[in-house]
Amino acid sequence: MNLAQYEGLASALMGLIGTVILFRSSYSLEPFEGMVWGGPEVTEHNRAVRVKNAKRSTWQRVGLGFLCLSFFIQALSYY
């Protein structure tokens, strides 16, 4: 195998990893409770939702990063 084939294989692997990560974290963000005067239970629930949404958003960025790296490696293999 030559260098271009190794780069193509690396690109495909990075693309697969990025696609799986994006698929696993691509569901829409969870909504917050709508009650304004909900008390401590609603506040605690909204805090937990905020943490889960932040984690999901981080994983979406990681998956997109893998896909961008895949495209970059693929572009390198052409030259």
Protein backbone atom coordinates (compact mmCIF):
# COMPACT_ATOMS: atom_id res chain seq x y z
CA MET A 1 0.00 0.00 0.00
CA ASN A 2 1.19 3.49 -0.74
CA LEU A 3 0.78 6.68 1.30
CA ALA A 4 -2.42 7.77 -0.45
CA GLN A 5 -4.10 4.48 0.41
CA TYR A 6 -3.06 4.79 4.07
CA GLU A 7 -4.40 8.33 4.13
CA GLY A 8 -7.68 7.15 2.59
CA LEU A 9 -7.96 4.41 5.19
CA ALA A 10 -7.25 6.87 8.01
CA SER A 11 -9.84 9.25 6.54
CA ALA A 12 -12.46 6.52 6.41
CA LEU A 13 -11.72 5.50 9.99
CA MET A 14 -11.95 9.09 11.27
CA GLY A 15 -15.17 9.57 9.30
CA LEU A 16 -16.67 6.42 10.80
CA ILE A 17 -15.76 7.46 14.34
CA GLY A 18 -17.13 10.97 13.81
CA THR A 19 -20.35 9.66 12.29
CA VAL A 20 -20.96 7.25 15.17
CA ILE A 21 -20.31 9.96 17.77
CA LEU A 22 -22.61 12.40 15.99
CA PHE A 23 -25.31 9.73 15.62
CA ARG A 24 -25.16 8.89 19.32
CA SER A 25 -25.35 12.55 20.42
CA SER A 26 -27.44 14.10 17.65
CA TYR A 27 -30.78 13.99 19.39
CA SER A 28 -32.23 17.40 20.12
CA LEU A 29 -31.43 18.95 23.45
CA GLU A 30 -33.75 18.12 26.33
CA PRO A 31 -36.19 20.93 27.18
CA PHE A 32 -36.35 22.64 30.55
CA GLU A 33 -39.34 22.60 32.86
CA GLY A 34 -41.62 25.48 31.99
CA MET A 35 -42.82 26.43 35.45
CA VAL A 36 -41.53 29.71 36.80
CA TRP A 37 -42.65 29.13 40.39
CA GLY A 38 -41.77 25.45 40.51
CA GLY A 39 -39.72 25.39 43.66
CA PRO A 40 -36.49 23.57 44.42
CA GLU A 41 -37.49 20.37 42.58
CA VAL A 42 -37.89 22.19 39.28
CA THR A 43 -34.67 24.11 39.84
CA GLU A 44 -32.78 20.88 40.51
CA HIS A 45 -34.31 19.22 37.44
CA ASN A 46 -33.36 22.19 35.25
CA ARG A 47 -29.80 22.07 36.58
CA ALA A 48 -29.57 18.36 35.70
CA VAL A 49 -30.97 19.05 32.22
CA ARG A 50 -28.43 21.87 31.75
CA VAL A 51 -25.57 19.49 32.61
CA LYS A 52 -26.87 16.77 30.26
CA ASN A 53 -27.30 19.28 27.43
CA ALA A 54 -23.75 20.58 27.93
CA LYS A 55 -22.34 17.05 27.73
CA ARG A 56 -24.36 16.29 24.60
CA SER A 57 -23.21 19.53 22.98
CA THR A 58 -19.58 18.69 23.78
CA TRP A 59 -19.90 15.26 22.18
CA GLN A 60 -21.47 16.85 19.10
CA ARG A 61 -18.42 19.10 18.77
CA VAL A 62 -16.07 16.12 19.17
CA GLY A 63 -17.91 14.17 16.45
CA LEU A 64 -17.84 17.15 14.12
CA GLY A 65 -14.12 17.53 14.81
CA PHE A 66 -13.50 13.92 13.77
CA LEU A 67 -15.46 14.48 10.56
CA CYS A 68 -13.51 17.65 9.76
CA LEU A 69 -10.26 15.78 10.40
CA SER A 70 -11.48 13.06 8.05
CA PHE A 71 -12.13 15.61 5.29
CA PHE A 72 -8.72 17.19 5.85
CA ILE A 73 -6.92 13.83 5.62
CA GLN A 74 -8.89 12.97 2.49
CA ALA A 75 -7.87 16.27 0.90
CA LEU A 76 -4.24 15.53 1.74
CA SER A 77 -4.46 12.13 0.08
CA TYR A 78 -5.38 13.77 -3.23
CA TYR A 79 -2.17 15.84 -3.32
